[in-house]
Amino acid sequence: MTERQLREQEFQIARYRDLEREVTDPLAACLLHSIIEELEAELRKERPDWHGPGH
């Protein structure tokens, strides 16, 4: 992945986290959480030093 793609992935993760906090449907929250975990795992493969926002 290019640096730009990595930044876009981080942005996408942040957007999904915001949605996860806002949804009231438990199934939607669970699905969003799964998506976030997959995106984070993919990002960690490309950038092992990445530990999430605020770290």
Protein backbone atom coordinates (compact mmCIF):
# COMPACT_ATOMS: atom_id res chain seq x y z
CA MET A 1 0.00 0.00 0.00
CA THR A 2 1.12 3.52 -0.68
CA GLU A 3 1.33 6.12 2.06
CA ARG A 4 -1.81 7.75 0.68
CA GLN A 5 -3.71 4.45 0.77
CA LEU A 6 -2.61 3.90 4.37
CA ARG A 7 -3.88 7.35 5.36
CA GLU A 8 -7.18 6.66 3.57
CA GLN A 9 -7.47 3.37 5.46
CA GLU A 10 -6.93 5.21 8.77
CA PHE A 11 -9.59 7.73 7.78
CA GLN A 12 -11.99 4.93 6.88
CA ILE A 13 -11.40 3.25 10.25
CA ALA A 14 -12.14 6.53 12.02
CA ARG A 15 -15.38 6.95 10.04
CA TYR A 16 -16.52 3.43 10.92
CA ARG A 17 -15.68 4.03 14.60
CA ASP A 18 -17.86 7.14 14.56
CA LEU A 19 -20.70 5.16 12.99
CA GLU A 20 -20.23 2.37 15.53
CA ARG A 21 -20.71 4.87 18.37
CA GLU A 22 -23.82 6.37 16.75
CA VAL A 23 -25.80 3.29 15.73
CA THR A 24 -28.49 1.98 18.02
CA ASP A 25 -29.04 -1.36 16.29
CA PRO A 26 -26.94 -4.06 18.02
CA LEU A 27 -26.47 -6.02 14.79
CA ALA A 28 -25.23 -2.93 12.95
CA ALA A 29 -22.82 -2.15 15.79
CA CYS A 30 -21.50 -5.71 15.70
CA LEU A 31 -21.01 -5.62 11.94
CA LEU A 32 -19.24 -2.27 12.11
CA HIS A 33 -16.98 -3.60 14.85
CA SER A 34 -16.05 -6.58 12.68
CA ILE A 35 -15.29 -4.29 9.75
CA ILE A 36 -13.10 -2.11 11.96
CA GLU A 37 -11.17 -5.13 13.24
CA GLU A 38 -10.53 -6.35 9.69
CA LEU A 39 -9.38 -2.94 8.49
CA GLU A 40 -7.10 -2.54 11.50
CA ALA A 41 -5.57 -6.00 10.95
CA GLU A 42 -4.94 -5.14 7.31
CA LEU A 43 -3.35 -1.84 8.29
CA ARG A 44 -1.12 -3.53 10.90
CA LYS A 45 0.17 -5.91 8.21
CA GLU A 46 1.28 -2.95 6.14
CA ARG A 47 2.43 -0.82 9.08
CA PRO A 48 3.37 -3.01 12.09
CA ASP A 49 4.10 0.07 14.21
CA TRP A 50 0.49 1.28 13.88
CA HIS A 51 -1.45 0.88 17.14
CA GLY A 52 -4.61 2.81 16.45
CA PRO A 53 -5.67 6.39 16.97
CA GLY A 54 -4.16 8.31 19.82
CA HIS A 55 -1.21 5.99 20.30
